[in-house]
Amino acid sequence: PPPPPPPPAMMMIPTFANARNRALDEAIAEHAEQVLKREKDACRHANRAYLMKQHQKDVGKALGRLEIHLQEYSRLKENEKERLANARLEKVRTERERKKRESAIEEEKVRTER
């Protein structure tokens, strides 16, 4: 003879188990999505922080180069001032020497005329 049909309470167990498994699967999937989202956000923040740090380094290097250029420019300007001052002194010196020569020539003319 065939086995008797199972009582109705036994029929509910697989349905309940399937529902529980589906709920667990959904919860796991949702949790995994949240974890991935947090990880993605963390990566985005880390990347932003890295880019900011890199930018700060680049700006620091550029400021360093600018400082060097300013120092070189100042040195060139000082050298130029020095050259101009020397040129003025040389001009004054040559002018005095020319005047001395001219006055010596004038004195010589006056002497020879007497």
PDB file of N, CA and C in Angstrom:
ATOM      1  N   PRO A   1       0.825  -1.201   0.000  1.00  0.00           N
ATOM      2  CA  PRO A   1       0.000   0.000   0.000  1.00  0.00           C
ATOM      3  C   PRO A   1       0.869   1.265   0.000  1.00  0.00           C
ATOM      4  N   PRO A   2       0.433   2.354  -0.640  1.00  0.00           N
ATOM      5  CA  PRO A   2       1.234   3.592  -0.675  1.00  0.00           C
ATOM      6  C   PRO A   2       1.298   4.257   0.698  1.00  0.00           C
ATOM      7  N   PRO A   3       2.397   5.035   0.937  1.00  0.00           N
ATOM      8  CA  PRO A   3       2.517   5.696   2.241  1.00  0.00           C
ATOM      9  C   PRO A   3       1.432   6.760   2.390  1.00  0.00           C
ATOM     10  N   PRO A   4       0.996   6.977   3.609  1.00  0.00           N
ATOM     11  CA  PRO A   4      -0.070   7.960   3.810  1.00  0.00           C
ATOM     12  C   PRO A   4       0.434   9.370   3.487  1.00  0.00           C
ATOM     13  N   PRO A   5      -0.403  10.263   3.025  1.00  0.00           N
ATOM     14  CA  PRO A   5       0.042  11.635   2.734  1.00  0.00           C
ATOM     15  C   PRO A   5       0.517  12.331   4.012  1.00  0.00           C
ATOM     16  N   PRO A   6       1.516  13.190   3.891  1.00  0.00           N
ATOM     17  CA  PRO A   6       2.024  13.867   5.095  1.00  0.00           C
ATOM     18  C   PRO A   6       0.988  14.810   5.656  1.00  0.00           C
ATOM     19  N   PRO A   7       1.027  15.013   6.960  1.00  0.00           N
ATOM     20  CA  PRO A   7       0.068  15.945   7.560  1.00  0.00           C
ATOM     21  C   PRO A   7       0.357  17.378   7.067  1.00  0.00           C
ATOM     22  N   PRO A   8      -0.606  18.274   7.124  1.00  0.00           N
ATOM     23  CA  PRO A   8      -0.428  19.632   6.622  1.00  0.00           C
ATOM     24  C   PRO A   8       0.716  20.392   7.304  1.00  0.00           C
ATOM     25  N   ALA A   9       1.059  20.176   8.551  1.00  0.00           N
ATOM     26  CA  ALA A   9       2.146  20.885   9.250  1.00  0.00           C
ATOM     27  C   ALA A   9       3.478  20.576   8.576  1.00  0.00           C
ATOM     28  N   MET A  10       3.672  19.395   8.065  1.00  0.00           N
ATOM     29  CA  MET A  10       4.920  19.002   7.401  1.00  0.00           C
ATOM     30  C   MET A  10       5.069  19.764   6.086  1.00  0.00           C
ATOM     31  N   MET A  11       3.974  20.072   5.436  1.00  0.00           N
ATOM     32  CA  MET A  11       4.019  20.790   4.166  1.00  0.00           C
ATOM     33  C   MET A  11       4.510  22.227   4.381  1.00  0.00           C
ATOM     34  N   MET A  12       4.297  22.805   5.531  1.00  0.00           N
ATOM     35  CA  MET A  12       4.657  24.190   5.818  1.00  0.00           C
ATOM     36  C   MET A  12       6.169  24.358   6.000  1.00  0.00           C
ATOM     37  N   ILE A  13       6.869  23.329   6.438  1.00  0.00           N
ATOM     38  CA  ILE A  13       8.300  23.459   6.736  1.00  0.00           C
ATOM     39  C   ILE A  13       9.115  23.832   5.494  1.00  0.00           C
ATOM     40  N   PRO A  14       8.988  23.117   4.339  1.00  0.00           N
ATOM     41  CA  PRO A  14       9.789  23.514   3.194  1.00  0.00           C
ATOM     42  C   PRO A  14       9.457  24.937   2.724  1.00  0.00           C
ATOM     43  N   THR A  15       8.192  25.321   2.757  1.00  0.00           N
ATOM     44  CA  THR A  15       7.800  26.659   2.340  1.00  0.00           C
ATOM     45  C   THR A  15       8.449  27.688   3.264  1.00  0.00           C
ATOM     46  N   PHE A  16       8.415  27.449   4.546  1.00  0.00           N
ATOM     47  CA  PHE A  16       9.029  28.353   5.524  1.00  0.00           C
ATOM     48  C   PHE A  16      10.545  28.410   5.314  1.00  0.00           C
ATOM     49  N   ALA A  17      11.165  27.246   5.103  1.00  0.00           N
ATOM     50  CA  ALA A  17      12.622  27.185   4.896  1.00  0.00           C
ATOM     51  C   ALA A  17      13.006  27.954   3.643  1.00  0.00           C
ATOM     52  N   ASN A  18      12.231  27.796   2.582  1.00  0.00           N
ATOM     53  CA  ASN A  18      12.517  28.535   1.344  1.00  0.00           C
ATOM     54  C   ASN A  18      12.404  30.038   1.568  1.00  0.00           C
ATOM     55  N   ALA A  19      11.393  30.451   2.267  1.00  0.00           N
ATOM     56  CA  ALA A  19      11.197  31.878   2.552  1.00  0.00           C
ATOM     57  C   ALA A  19      12.357  32.396   3.395  1.00  0.00           C
ATOM     58  N   ARG A  20      12.751  31.593   4.412  1.00  0.00           N
ATOM     59  CA  ARG A  20      13.873  32.010   5.264  1.00  0.00           C
ATOM     60  C   ARG A  20      15.158  32.113   4.444  1.00  0.00           C
ATOM     61  N   ASN A  21      15.396  31.120   3.585  1.00  0.00           N
ATOM     62  CA  ASN A  21      16.603  31.155   2.745  1.00  0.00           C
ATOM     63  C   ASN A  21      16.602  32.364   1.817  1.00  0.00           C
ATOM     64  N   ARG A  22      15.431  32.653   1.229  1.00  0.00           N
ATOM     65  CA  ARG A  22      15.327  33.824   0.357  1.00  0.00           C
ATOM     66  C   ARG A  22      15.601  35.107   1.143  1.00  0.00           C
ATOM     67  N   ALA A  23      15.069  35.223   2.331  1.00  0.00           N
ATOM     68  CA  ALA A  23      15.274  36.407   3.178  1.00  0.00           C
ATOM     69  C   ALA A  23      16.759  36.540   3.535  1.00  0.00           C
ATOM     70  N   LEU A  24      17.389  35.406   3.859  1.00  0.00           N
ATOM     71  CA  LEU A  24      18.827  35.439   4.175  1.00  0.00           C
ATOM     72  C   LEU A  24      19.640  35.870   2.951  1.00  0.00           C
ATOM     73  N   ASP A  25      19.288  35.304   1.799  1.00  0.00           N
ATOM     74  CA  ASP A  25      19.997  35.685   0.567  1.00  0.00           C
ATOM     75  C   ASP A  25      19.865  37.181   0.298  1.00  0.00           C
ATOM     76  N   GLU A  26      18.649  37.703   0.477  1.00  0.00           N
ATOM     77  CA  GLU A  26      18.430  39.142   0.260  1.00  0.00           C
ATOM     78  C   GLU A  26      19.226  39.975   1.264  1.00  0.00           C
ATOM     79  N   ALA A  27      19.225  39.543   2.520  1.00  0.00           N
ATOM     80  CA  ALA A  27      19.965  40.268   3.558  1.00  0.00           C
ATOM     81  C   ALA A  27      21.456  40.251   3.250  1.00  0.00           C
ATOM     82  N   ILE A  28      21.951  39.090   2.823  1.00  0.00           N
ATOM     83  CA  ILE A  28      23.388  38.974   2.485  1.00  0.00           C
ATOM     84  C   ILE A  28      23.707  39.879   1.306  1.00  0.00           C
ATOM     85  N   ALA A  29      22.856  39.844   0.285  1.00  0.00           N
ATOM     86  CA  ALA A  29      23.085  40.680  -0.901  1.00  0.00           C
ATOM     87  C   ALA A  29      23.062  42.161  -0.519  1.00  0.00           C
ATOM     88  N   GLU A  30      22.095  42.555   0.304  1.00  0.00           N
ATOM     89  CA  GLU A  30      21.991  43.953   0.727  1.00  0.00           C
ATOM     90  C   GLU A  30      23.226  44.359   1.533  1.00  0.00           C
ATOM     91  N   HIS A  31      23.651  43.481   2.435  1.00  0.00           N
ATOM     92  CA  HIS A  31      24.836  43.757   3.238  1.00  0.00           C
ATOM     93  C   HIS A  31      26.062  43.899   2.336  1.00  0.00           C
ATOM     94  N   ALA A  32      26.188  43.000   1.356  1.00  0.00           N
ATOM     95  CA  ALA A  32      27.323  43.055   0.436  1.00  0.00           C
ATOM     96  C   ALA A  32      27.304  44.376  -0.341  1.00  0.00           C
ATOM     97  N   GLU A  33      26.114  44.821  -0.767  1.00  0.00           N
ATOM     98  CA  GLU A  33      25.996  46.101  -1.475  1.00  0.00           C
ATOM     99  C   GLU A  33      26.458  47.249  -0.591  1.00  0.00           C
ATOM    100  N   GLN A  34      26.031  47.224   0.679  1.00  0.00           N
ATOM    101  CA  GLN A  34      26.426  48.293   1.609  1.00  0.00           C
ATOM    102  C   GLN A  34      27.946  48.278   1.820  1.00  0.00           C
ATOM    103  N   VAL A  35      28.511  47.071   1.986  1.00  0.00           N
ATOM    104  CA  VAL A  35      29.964  46.959   2.183  1.00  0.00           C
ATOM    105  C   VAL A  35      30.690  47.509   0.961  1.00  0.00           C
ATOM    106  N   LEU A  36      30.229  47.126  -0.233  1.00  0.00           N
ATOM    107  CA  LEU A  36      30.865  47.605  -1.465  1.00  0.00           C
ATOM    108  C   LEU A  36      30.744  49.122  -1.590  1.00  0.00           C
ATOM    109  N   LYS A  37      29.566  49.647  -1.221  1.00  0.00           N
ATOM    110  CA  LYS A  37      29.361  51.095  -1.297  1.00  0.00           C
ATOM    111  C   LYS A  37      30.312  51.813  -0.338  1.00  0.00           C
ATOM    112  N   ARG A  38      30.413  51.292   0.904  1.00  0.00           N
ATOM    113  CA  ARG A  38      31.333  51.910   1.876  1.00  0.00           C
ATOM    114  C   ARG A  38      32.767  51.840   1.374  1.00  0.00           C
ATOM    115  N   GLU A  39      33.120  50.687   0.794  1.00  0.00           N
ATOM    116  CA  GLU A  39      34.481  50.519   0.279  1.00  0.00           C
ATOM    117  C   GLU A  39      34.746  51.497  -0.864  1.00  0.00           C
ATOM    118  N   LYS A  40      33.748  51.641  -1.745  1.00  0.00           N
ATOM    119  CA  LYS A  40      33.879  52.569  -2.868  1.00  0.00           C
ATOM    120  C   LYS A  40      34.047  53.997  -2.355  1.00  0.00           C
ATOM    121  N   ASP A  41      33.225  54.380  -1.356  1.00  0.00           N
ATOM    122  CA  ASP A  41      33.337  55.711  -0.760  1.00  0.00           C
ATOM    123  C   ASP A  41      34.703  55.911  -0.122  1.00  0.00           C
ATOM    124  N   ALA A  42      35.175  54.872   0.588  1.00  0.00           N
ATOM    125  CA  ALA A  42      36.491  54.965   1.237  1.00  0.00           C
ATOM    126  C   ALA A  42      37.579  55.140   0.177  1.00  0.00           C
ATOM    127  N   CYS A  43      37.462  54.406  -0.915  1.00  0.00           N
ATOM    128  CA  CYS A  43      38.450  54.530  -2.000  1.00  0.00           C
ATOM    129  C   CYS A  43      38.407  55.932  -2.602  1.00  0.00           C
ATOM    130  N   ARG A  44      37.182  56.448  -2.777  1.00  0.00           N
ATOM    131  CA  ARG A  44      37.046  57.791  -3.340  1.00  0.00           C
ATOM    132  C   ARG A  44      37.709  58.814  -2.419  1.00  0.00           C
ATOM    133  N   HIS A  45      37.453  58.686  -1.100  1.00  0.00           N
ATOM    134  CA  HIS A  45      38.070  59.625  -0.141  1.00  0.00           C
ATOM    135  C   HIS A  45      39.586  59.478  -0.137  1.00  0.00           C
ATOM    136  N   ALA A  46      40.061  58.234  -0.176  1.00  0.00           N
ATOM    137  CA  ALA A  46      41.517  58.004  -0.181  1.00  0.00           C
ATOM    138  C   ALA A  46      42.129  58.599  -1.435  1.00  0.00           C
ATOM    139  N   ASN A  47      41.450  58.422  -2.558  1.00  0.00           N
ATOM    140  CA  ASN A  47      41.955  58.972  -3.814  1.00  0.00           C
ATOM    141  C   ASN A  47      41.985  60.494  -3.761  1.00  0.00           C
ATOM    142  N   ARG A  48      40.920  61.084  -3.213  1.00  0.00           N
ATOM    143  CA  ARG A  48      40.869  62.542  -3.092  1.00  0.00           C
ATOM    144  C   ARG A  48      42.009  63.027  -2.183  1.00  0.00           C
ATOM    145  N   ALA A  49      42.204  62.321  -1.070  1.00  0.00           N
ATOM    146  CA  ALA A  49      43.276  62.716  -0.140  1.00  0.00           C
ATOM    147  C   ALA A  49      44.635  62.586  -0.832  1.00  0.00           C
ATOM    148  N   TYR A  50      44.821  61.503  -1.592  1.00  0.00           N
ATOM    149  CA  TYR A  50      46.086  61.305  -2.307  1.00  0.00           C
ATOM    150  C   TYR A  50      46.301  62.439  -3.312  1.00  0.00           C
ATOM    151  N   LEU A  51      45.244  62.769  -4.060  1.00  0.00           N
ATOM    152  CA  LEU A  51      45.365  63.836  -5.053  1.00  0.00           C
ATOM    153  C   LEU A  51      45.670  65.177  -4.389  1.00  0.00           C
ATOM    154  N   MET A  52      45.030  65.435  -3.239  1.00  0.00           N
ATOM    155  CA  MET A  52      45.305  66.679  -2.516  1.00  0.00           C
ATOM    156  C   MET A  52      46.759  66.732  -2.069  1.00  0.00           C
ATOM    157  N   LYS A  53      47.239  65.612  -1.524  1.00  0.00           N
ATOM    158  CA  LYS A  53      48.629  65.553  -1.050  1.00  0.00           C
ATOM    159  C   LYS A  53      49.586  65.755  -2.226  1.00  0.00           C
ATOM    160  N   GLN A  54      49.271  65.117  -3.357  1.00  0.00           N
ATOM    161  CA  GLN A  54      50.106  65.256  -4.550  1.00  0.00           C
ATOM    162  C   GLN A  54      50.105  66.708  -5.016  1.00  0.00           C
ATOM    163  N   HIS A  55      48.930  67.321  -4.988  1.00  0.00           N
ATOM    164  CA  HIS A  55      48.811  68.721  -5.394  1.00  0.00           C
ATOM    165  C   HIS A  55      49.650  69.611  -4.473  1.00  0.00           C
ATOM    166  N   GLN A  56      49.582  69.338  -3.160  1.00  0.00           N
ATOM    167  CA  GLN A  56      50.378  70.125  -2.211  1.00  0.00           C
ATOM    168  C   GLN A  56      51.867  69.971  -2.504  1.00  0.00           C
ATOM    169  N   LYS A  57      52.290  68.734  -2.823  1.00  0.00           N
ATOM    170  CA  LYS A  57      53.705  68.525  -3.158  1.00  0.00           C
ATOM    171  C   LYS A  57      54.081  69.330  -4.395  1.00  0.00           C
ATOM    172  N   ASP A  58      53.224  69.266  -5.421  1.00  0.00           N
ATOM    173  CA  ASP A  58      53.504  69.994  -6.661  1.00  0.00           C
ATOM    174  C   ASP A  58      53.571  71.494  -6.410  1.00  0.00           C
ATOM    175  N   VAL A  59      52.642  72.003  -5.601  1.00  0.00           N
ATOM    176  CA  VAL A  59      52.640  73.431  -5.280  1.00  0.00           C
ATOM    177  C   VAL A  59      53.912  73.789  -4.505  1.00  0.00           C
ATOM    178  N   GLY A  60      54.294  72.925  -3.564  1.00  0.00           N
ATOM    179  CA  GLY A  60      55.524  73.163  -2.799  1.00  0.00           C
ATOM    180  C   GLY A  60      56.740  73.232  -3.704  1.00  0.00           C
ATOM    181  N   LYS A  61      56.810  72.303  -4.652  1.00  0.00           N
ATOM    182  CA  LYS A  61      57.945  72.299  -5.600  1.00  0.00           C
ATOM    183  C   LYS A  61      57.936  73.576  -6.429  1.00  0.00           C
ATOM    184  N   ALA A  62      56.751  73.965  -6.910  1.00  0.00           N
ATOM    185  CA  ALA A  62      56.645  75.173  -7.729  1.00  0.00           C
ATOM    186  C   ALA A  62      57.056  76.405  -6.922  1.00  0.00           C
ATOM    187  N   LEU A  63      56.642  76.463  -5.659  1.00  0.00           N
ATOM    188  CA  LEU A  63      57.029  77.597  -4.806  1.00  0.00           C
ATOM    189  C   LEU A  63      58.542  77.613  -4.586  1.00  0.00           C
ATOM    190  N   GLY A  64      59.123  76.421  -4.430  1.00  0.00           N
ATOM    191  CA  GLY A  64      60.575  76.330  -4.270  1.00  0.00           C
ATOM    192  C   GLY A  64      61.296  76.868  -5.503  1.00  0.00           C
ATOM    193  N   ARG A  65      60.807  76.463  -6.685  1.00  0.00           N
ATOM    194  CA  ARG A  65      61.416  76.947  -7.933  1.00  0.00           C
ATOM    195  C   ARG A  65      61.254  78.455  -8.047  1.00  0.00           C
ATOM    196  N   LEU A  66      60.071  78.952  -7.667  1.00  0.00           N
ATOM    197  CA  LEU A  66      59.821  80.392  -7.728  1.00  0.00           C
ATOM    198  C   LEU A  66      60.778  81.140  -6.804  1.00  0.00           C
ATOM    199  N   GLU A  67      60.991  80.607  -5.607  1.00  0.00           N
ATOM    200  CA  GLU A  67      61.915  81.229  -4.645  1.00  0.00           C
ATOM    201  C   GLU A  67      63.323  81.303  -5.235  1.00  0.00           C
ATOM    202  N   ILE A  68      63.751  80.202  -5.874  1.00  0.00           N
ATOM    203  CA  ILE A  68      65.087  80.172  -6.497  1.00  0.00           C
ATOM    204  C   ILE A  68      65.173  81.233  -7.588  1.00  0.00           C
ATOM    205  N   HIS A  69      64.124  81.330  -8.422  1.00  0.00           N
ATOM    206  CA  HIS A  69      64.126  82.337  -9.493  1.00  0.00           C
ATOM    207  C   HIS A  69      64.187  83.743  -8.922  1.00  0.00           C
ATOM    208  N   LEU A  70      63.442  83.976  -7.845  1.00  0.00           N
ATOM    209  CA  LEU A  70      63.467  85.303  -7.229  1.00  0.00           C
ATOM    210  C   LEU A  70      64.859  85.638  -6.693  1.00  0.00           C
ATOM    211  N   GLN A  71      65.510  84.652  -6.082  1.00  0.00           N
ATOM    212  CA  GLN A  71      66.867  84.884  -5.574  1.00  0.00           C
ATOM    213  C   GLN A  71      67.828  85.194  -6.724  1.00  0.00           C
ATOM    214  N   GLU A  72      67.707  84.418  -7.804  1.00  0.00           N
ATOM    215  CA  GLU A  72      68.572  84.672  -8.967  1.00  0.00           C
ATOM    216  C   GLU A  72      68.316  86.067  -9.530  1.00  0.00           C
ATOM    217  N   TYR A  73      67.038  86.442  -9.622  1.00  0.00           N
ATOM    218  CA  TYR A  73      66.680  87.760 -10.143  1.00  0.00           C
ATOM    219  C   TYR A  73      67.273  88.852  -9.257  1.00  0.00           C
ATOM    220  N   SER A  74      67.166  88.674  -7.936  1.00  0.00           N
ATOM    221  CA  SER A  74      67.730  89.667  -7.013  1.00  0.00           C
ATOM    222  C   SER A  74      69.231  89.789  -7.191  1.00  0.00           C
ATOM    223  N   ARG A  75      69.900  88.630  -7.328  1.00  0.00           N
ATOM    224  CA  ARG A  75      71.353  88.676  -7.549  1.00  0.00           C
ATOM    225  C   ARG A  75      71.689  89.415  -8.839  1.00  0.00           C
ATOM    226  N   LEU A  76      70.934  89.108  -9.905  1.00  0.00           N
ATOM    227  CA  LEU A  76      71.179  89.791 -11.180  1.00  0.00           C
ATOM    228  C   LEU A  76      70.959  91.293 -11.048  1.00  0.00           C
ATOM    229  N   LYS A  77      69.903  91.663 -10.323  1.00  0.00           N
ATOM    230  CA  LYS A  77      69.601  93.080 -10.132  1.00  0.00           C
ATOM    231  C   LYS A  77      70.732  93.764  -9.357  1.00  0.00           C
ATOM    232  N   GLU A  78      71.214  93.094  -8.300  1.00  0.00           N
ATOM    233  CA  GLU A  78      72.334  93.649  -7.520  1.00  0.00           C
ATOM    234  C   GLU A  78      73.577  93.803  -8.396  1.00  0.00           C
ATOM    235  N   ASN A  79      73.859  92.772  -9.195  1.00  0.00           N
ATOM    236  CA  ASN A  79      75.022  92.838 -10.098  1.00  0.00           C
ATOM    237  C   ASN A  79      74.879  93.995 -11.076  1.00  0.00           C
ATOM    238  N   GLU A  80      73.668  94.178 -11.577  1.00  0.00           N
ATOM    239  CA  GLU A  80      73.416  95.261 -12.532  1.00  0.00           C
ATOM    240  C   GLU A  80      73.645  96.616 -11.857  1.00  0.00           C
ATOM    241  N   LYS A  81      73.156  96.765 -10.613  1.00  0.00           N
ATOM    242  CA  LYS A  81      73.375  98.020  -9.874  1.00  0.00           C
ATOM    243  C   LYS A  81      74.866  98.273  -9.701  1.00  0.00           C
ATOM    244  N   GLU A  82      75.581  97.195  -9.343  1.00  0.00           N
ATOM    245  CA  GLU A  82      77.026  97.314  -9.140  1.00  0.00           C
ATOM    246  C   GLU A  82      77.723  97.735 -10.437  1.00  0.00           C
ATOM    247  N   ARG A  83      77.318  97.113 -11.552  1.00  0.00           N
ATOM    248  CA  ARG A  83      77.925  97.468 -12.843  1.00  0.00           C
ATOM    249  C   ARG A  83      77.656  98.926 -13.191  1.00  0.00           C
ATOM    250  N   LEU A  84      76.430  99.375 -12.947  1.00  0.00           N
ATOM    251  CA  LEU A  84      76.093 100.779 -13.230  1.00  0.00           C
ATOM    252  C   LEU A  84      76.926 101.734 -12.369  1.00  0.00           C
ATOM    253  N   ALA A  85      77.054 101.392 -11.088  1.00  0.00           N
ATOM    254  CA  ALA A  85      77.844 102.245 -10.187  1.00  0.00           C
ATOM    255  C   ALA A  85      79.300 102.290 -10.662  1.00  0.00           C
ATOM    256  N   ASN A  86      79.840 101.136 -11.039  1.00  0.00           N
ATOM    257  CA  ASN A  86      81.224 101.100 -11.536  1.00  0.00           C
ATOM    258  C   ASN A  86      81.363 101.904 -12.822  1.00  0.00           C
ATOM    259  N   ALA A  87      80.366 101.815 -13.683  1.00  0.00           N
ATOM    260  CA  ALA A  87      80.407 102.571 -14.941  1.00  0.00           C
ATOM    261  C   ALA A  87      80.396 104.066 -14.657  1.00  0.00           C
ATOM    262  N   ARG A  88      79.568 104.497 -13.674  1.00  0.00           N
ATOM    263  CA  ARG A  88      79.539 105.922 -13.317  1.00  0.00           C
ATOM    264  C   ARG A  88      80.897 106.379 -12.786  1.00  0.00           C
ATOM    265  N   LEU A  89      81.470 105.567 -11.889  1.00  0.00           N
ATOM    266  CA  LEU A  89      82.792 105.918 -11.340  1.00  0.00           C
ATOM    267  C   LEU A  89      83.833 106.014 -12.456  1.00  0.00           C
ATOM    268  N   GLU A  90      83.797 105.061 -13.374  1.00  0.00           N
ATOM    269  CA  GLU A  90      84.742 105.057 -14.494  1.00  0.00           C
ATOM    270  C   GLU A  90      84.565 106.307 -15.352  1.00  0.00           C
ATOM    271  N   LYS A  91      83.310 106.676 -15.563  1.00  0.00           N
ATOM    272  CA  LYS A  91      83.021 107.867 -16.370  1.00  0.00           C
ATOM    273  C   LYS A  91      83.588 109.115 -15.690  1.00  0.00           C
ATOM    274  N   VAL A  92      83.358 109.215 -14.371  1.00  0.00           N
ATOM    275  CA  VAL A  92      83.863 110.363 -13.612  1.00  0.00           C
ATOM    276  C   VAL A  92      85.397 110.393 -13.678  1.00  0.00           C
ATOM    277  N   ARG A  93      86.033 109.214 -13.501  1.00  0.00           N
ATOM    278  CA  ARG A  93      87.492 109.132 -13.525  1.00  0.00           C
ATOM    279  C   ARG A  93      88.043 109.549 -14.895  1.00  0.00           C
ATOM    280  N   THR A  94      87.454 109.020 -15.950  1.00  0.00           N
ATOM    281  CA  THR A  94      87.956 109.370 -17.294  1.00  0.00           C
ATOM    282  C   THR A  94      87.726 110.853 -17.585  1.00  0.00           C
ATOM    283  N   GLU A  95      86.618 111.393 -17.091  1.00  0.00           N
ATOM    284  CA  GLU A  95      86.337 112.829 -17.294  1.00  0.00           C
ATOM    285  C   GLU A  95      87.398 113.678 -16.582  1.00  0.00           C
ATOM    286  N   ARG A  96      87.752 113.296 -15.351  1.00  0.00           N
ATOM    287  CA  ARG A  96      88.804 114.038 -14.608  1.00  0.00           C
ATOM    288  C   ARG A  96      90.131 113.973 -15.358  1.00  0.00           C
ATOM    289  N   GLU A  97      90.461 112.755 -15.817  1.00  0.00           N
ATOM    290  CA  GLU A  97      91.733 112.610 -16.547  1.00  0.00           C
ATOM    291  C   GLU A  97      91.745 113.460 -17.807  1.00  0.00           C
ATOM    292  N   ARG A  98      90.630 113.501 -18.527  1.00  0.00           N
ATOM    293  CA  ARG A  98      90.536 114.317 -19.747  1.00  0.00           C
ATOM    294  C   ARG A  98      90.721 115.796 -19.409  1.00  0.00           C
ATOM    295  N   LYS A  99      90.050 116.230 -18.321  1.00  0.00           N
ATOM    296  CA  LYS A  99      90.184 117.638 -17.923  1.00  0.00           C
ATOM    297  C   LYS A  99      91.632 117.960 -17.542  1.00  0.00           C
ATOM    298  N   LYS A 100      92.287 117.022 -16.830  1.00  0.00           N
ATOM    299  CA  LYS A 100      93.693 117.241 -16.455  1.00  0.00           C
ATOM    300  C   LYS A 100      94.554 117.371 -17.699  1.00  0.00           C
ATOM    301  N   ARG A 101      94.332 116.457 -18.658  1.00  0.00           N
ATOM    302  CA  ARG A 101      95.126 116.527 -19.899  1.00  0.00           C
ATOM    303  C   ARG A 101      94.892 117.844 -20.617  1.00  0.00           C
ATOM    304  N   GLU A 102      93.598 118.242 -20.707  1.00  0.00           N
ATOM    305  CA  GLU A 102      93.279 119.503 -21.393  1.00  0.00           C
ATOM    306  C   GLU A 102      93.920 120.684 -20.680  1.00  0.00           C
ATOM    307  N   SER A 103      93.870 120.693 -19.341  1.00  0.00           N
ATOM    308  CA  SER A 103      94.470 121.827 -18.621  1.00  0.00           C
ATOM    309  C   SER A 103      95.986 121.803 -18.756  1.00  0.00           C
ATOM    310  N   ALA A 104      96.580 120.588 -18.802  1.00  0.00           N
ATOM    311  CA  ALA A 104      98.032 120.496 -18.996  1.00  0.00           C
ATOM    312  C   ALA A 104      98.394 121.031 -20.380  1.00  0.00           C
ATOM    313  N   ILE A 105      97.598 120.708 -21.371  1.00  0.00           N
ATOM    314  CA  ILE A 105      97.859 121.202 -22.735  1.00  0.00           C
ATOM    315  C   ILE A 105      97.720 122.720 -22.763  1.00  0.00           C
ATOM    316  N   GLU A 106      96.681 123.265 -22.089  1.00  0.00           N
ATOM    317  CA  GLU A 106      96.493 124.726 -22.035  1.00  0.00           C
ATOM    318  C   GLU A 106      97.684 125.390 -21.363  1.00  0.00           C
ATOM    319  N   GLU A 107      98.129 124.804 -20.232  1.00  0.00           N
ATOM    320  CA  GLU A 107      99.290 125.387 -19.550  1.00  0.00           C
ATOM    321  C   GLU A 107     100.518 125.369 -20.440  1.00  0.00           C
ATOM    322  N   GLU A 108     100.694 124.288 -21.164  1.00  0.00           N
ATOM    323  CA  GLU A 108     101.847 124.160 -22.074  1.00  0.00           C
ATOM    324  C   GLU A 108     101.763 125.238 -23.160  1.00  0.00           C
ATOM    325  N   LYS A 109     100.568 125.484 -23.684  1.00  0.00           N
ATOM    326  CA  LYS A 109     100.395 126.519 -24.705  1.00  0.00           C
ATOM    327  C   LYS A 109     100.747 127.887 -24.153  1.00  0.00           C
ATOM    328  N   VAL A 110     100.272 128.157 -22.916  1.00  0.00           N
ATOM    329  CA  VAL A 110     100.525 129.444 -22.281  1.00  0.00           C
ATOM    330  C   VAL A 110     102.026 129.616 -22.066  1.00  0.00           C
ATOM    331  N   ARG A 111     102.706 128.578 -21.618  1.00  0.00           N
ATOM    332  CA  ARG A 111     104.158 128.644 -21.387  1.00  0.00           C
ATOM    333  C   ARG A 111     104.915 128.901 -22.675  1.00  0.00           C
ATOM    334  N   THR A 112     104.522 128.182 -23.710  1.00  0.00           N
ATOM    335  CA  THR A 112     105.255 128.326 -24.967  1.00  0.00           C
ATOM    336  C   THR A 112     104.993 129.680 -25.623  1.00  0.00           C
ATOM    337  N   GLU A 113     103.842 130.283 -25.349  1.00  0.00           N
ATOM    338  CA  GLU A 113     103.543 131.603 -25.916  1.00  0.00           C
ATOM    339  C   GLU A 113     104.372 132.689 -25.237  1.00  0.00           C
ATOM    340  N   ARG A 114     104.798 132.516 -24.031  1.00  0.00           N
ATOM    341  CA  ARG A 114     105.543 133.558 -23.298  1.00  0.00           C
ATOM    342  C   ARG A 114     106.918 133.636 -23.742  1.00  0.00           C
TER     343      ARG A 114
END
